[in-house]
Each structure stands twice: as structure tokens, then as C-alpha cells.
Amino acid sequence: MQLTVGKTKSEATIKVTIEVMSWLKEDFGHEGWDKLVFEEAISPRTSIMGLLHLMADKYPKFGHKAFADSRQDFFDYCAVILNGSFLSAPTALNTELKEGDNIKLTPGFYGG
């Protein structure tokens, strides 16, 4: 008798696409003029902030800059765009990601 073993809900993952723009690519170990695009498999119900923390663990240079203050509970290192929409409210970073979502990280906009 052969048993078929499938993934349990706790082992299931979803895939999201991450695009890193401009000089931020260097924080991810990427050099060159082309944009950096990669897929990341994450647990269902992962928030955008959760993904940013995962990226900080995986890419220490990004982590040191993005979360330089370990007490920081907000994210202002770069602009975050979800499926083409800028996330301007800090609470938007609590949005749970879904299969196929596109997250773009781009340098923040400053000036007046």
C-alpha cells in the first residue's frame, strides 16, 4: 500500500513577486542597471511588514538600513507599492499578501 503525502496547511506557501528599484538593489547584493525581480515563497497570511522582516533577515544589508532601530515598529526606509498602489498609511503594511501579489520597493520621495 502506497501513501500519498501532501502538504498540510501549515506547510503550504504562496508566491509573491518582489521588484527592487534603483540603488536599493545594492542592499540585495545586485549591481547593474537592470531592475531586480524575484519570487519569494511565503506562508499564507504573511503581512507586507512580515515580508519586509523576512527580507531583512535574508539580506542583512537591507535589514541594517531598513530596521536600524530595533524598536522601530514602522517602516520608512523606502516606498512600498503593492500591485501598483503606493502604501502611504503605516497600517497598510499589515495587509496580508495573496498568491501572485507584486511588491515593489523603490527609494522614498523627499522634498517639497
Protein backbone atom coordinates (compact mmCIF):
# COMPACT_ATOMS: atom_id res chain seq x y z
CA MET A 1 0.00 0.00 0.00
CA GLN A 2 1.39 3.36 -1.02
CA LEU A 3 0.54 6.51 0.86
CA THR A 4 0.43 9.86 -0.86
CA VAL A 5 1.69 12.60 1.37
CA GLY A 6 0.58 16.14 0.58
CA LYS A 7 1.41 19.41 2.17
CA THR A 8 -0.52 20.34 5.24
CA LYS A 9 -1.92 23.82 5.57
CA SER A 10 0.99 24.79 7.81
CA GLU A 11 3.49 23.70 5.13
CA ALA A 12 1.69 25.41 2.24
CA THR A 13 3.23 28.50 0.74
CA ILE A 14 2.19 31.24 -1.62
CA LYS A 15 4.42 33.05 -4.10
CA VAL A 16 4.74 36.79 -4.41
CA THR A 17 6.91 38.79 -6.80
CA ILE A 18 9.30 41.38 -5.42
CA GLU A 19 10.77 44.15 -7.58
CA VAL A 20 13.60 46.26 -6.20
CA MET A 21 14.27 49.55 -7.96
CA SER A 22 17.19 51.95 -8.32
CA TRP A 23 20.03 51.96 -5.78
CA LEU A 24 18.06 49.77 -3.34
CA LYS A 25 19.20 46.79 -5.43
CA GLU A 26 22.64 47.10 -3.83
CA ASP A 27 21.09 46.21 -0.46
CA PHE A 28 20.11 42.88 -2.02
CA GLY A 29 23.58 42.20 -3.46
CA HIS A 30 22.59 43.15 -7.01
CA GLU A 31 24.63 45.52 -9.15
CA GLY A 32 23.89 46.83 -12.59
CA TRP A 33 21.32 48.95 -14.36
CA ASP A 34 18.67 46.29 -14.76
CA LYS A 35 15.91 46.00 -12.20
CA LEU A 36 15.95 43.18 -9.68
CA VAL A 37 12.88 40.93 -9.81
CA PHE A 38 12.48 37.69 -7.86
CA GLU A 39 9.78 35.44 -6.45
CA GLU A 40 9.56 34.66 -2.78
CA ALA A 41 7.63 31.74 -1.27
CA ILE A 42 5.99 32.81 1.97
CA SER A 43 3.47 31.42 4.43
CA PRO A 44 -0.16 32.25 3.84
CA ARG A 45 -1.36 35.19 5.95
CA THR A 46 2.08 36.86 5.86
CA SER A 47 1.70 40.64 6.01
CA ILE A 48 3.74 43.11 3.99
CA MET A 49 5.61 44.03 7.18
CA GLY A 50 6.23 40.34 7.81
CA LEU A 51 7.69 40.03 4.31
CA LEU A 52 9.92 43.06 4.92
CA HIS A 53 11.24 41.43 8.10
CA LEU A 54 11.87 38.17 6.18
CA MET A 55 13.79 40.15 3.56
CA ALA A 56 15.75 41.90 6.33
CA ASP A 57 16.80 38.51 7.73
CA LYS A 58 17.70 37.14 4.30
CA TYR A 59 19.54 40.28 3.13
CA PRO A 60 21.40 41.74 6.14
CA LYS A 61 22.49 44.93 4.35
CA PHE A 62 18.83 45.73 3.68
CA GLY A 63 17.94 44.76 7.23
CA HIS A 64 20.55 47.02 8.84
CA LYS A 65 19.29 50.02 6.89
CA ALA A 66 15.58 49.28 6.95
CA PHE A 67 15.38 48.37 10.62
CA ALA A 68 18.38 50.22 12.07
CA ASP A 69 16.39 50.94 15.23
CA SER A 70 15.36 47.58 16.67
CA ARG A 71 12.47 49.27 18.50
CA GLN A 72 11.07 50.54 15.22
CA ASP A 73 7.54 49.38 14.61
CA PHE A 74 7.05 51.25 11.35
CA PHE A 75 8.83 51.25 8.02
CA ASP A 76 10.11 54.40 6.32
CA TYR A 77 13.30 53.24 4.59
CA CYS A 78 11.73 53.06 1.14
CA ALA A 79 8.39 53.36 -0.60
CA VAL A 80 6.33 50.18 -0.82
CA ILE A 81 4.00 49.63 -3.76
CA LEU A 82 1.50 46.75 -3.70
CA ASN A 83 0.02 45.75 -7.06
CA GLY A 84 0.61 49.25 -8.46
CA SER A 85 -0.70 51.22 -5.46
CA PHE A 86 1.55 53.21 -3.12
CA LEU A 87 1.05 52.29 0.52
CA SER A 88 1.09 55.58 2.36
CA ALA A 89 -0.53 54.65 5.68
CA PRO A 90 1.61 52.66 8.14
CA THR A 91 -1.37 50.38 8.84
CA ALA A 92 -1.34 49.33 5.16
CA LEU A 93 1.82 47.35 5.93
CA ASN A 94 -0.38 44.99 7.94
CA THR A 95 -2.13 43.92 4.72
CA GLU A 96 -1.96 40.16 4.23
CA LEU A 97 -0.36 39.11 0.97
CA LYS A 98 -2.07 36.82 -1.52
CA GLU A 99 -0.77 34.44 -4.18
CA GLY A 100 0.60 36.43 -7.13
CA ASP A 101 0.84 39.81 -5.38
CA ASN A 102 3.53 42.17 -6.69
CA ILE A 103 5.53 44.19 -4.17
CA LYS A 104 7.80 46.93 -5.46
CA LEU A 105 10.42 48.61 -3.26
CA THR A 106 11.61 51.98 -4.52
CA PRO A 107 13.58 54.82 -2.92
CA GLY A 108 11.38 57.17 -0.92
CA PHE A 109 10.30 60.52 -2.27
CA TYR A 110 11.53 63.57 -0.40
CA GLY A 111 11.41 67.29 -0.97
CA GLY A 112 8.81 69.92 -1.21
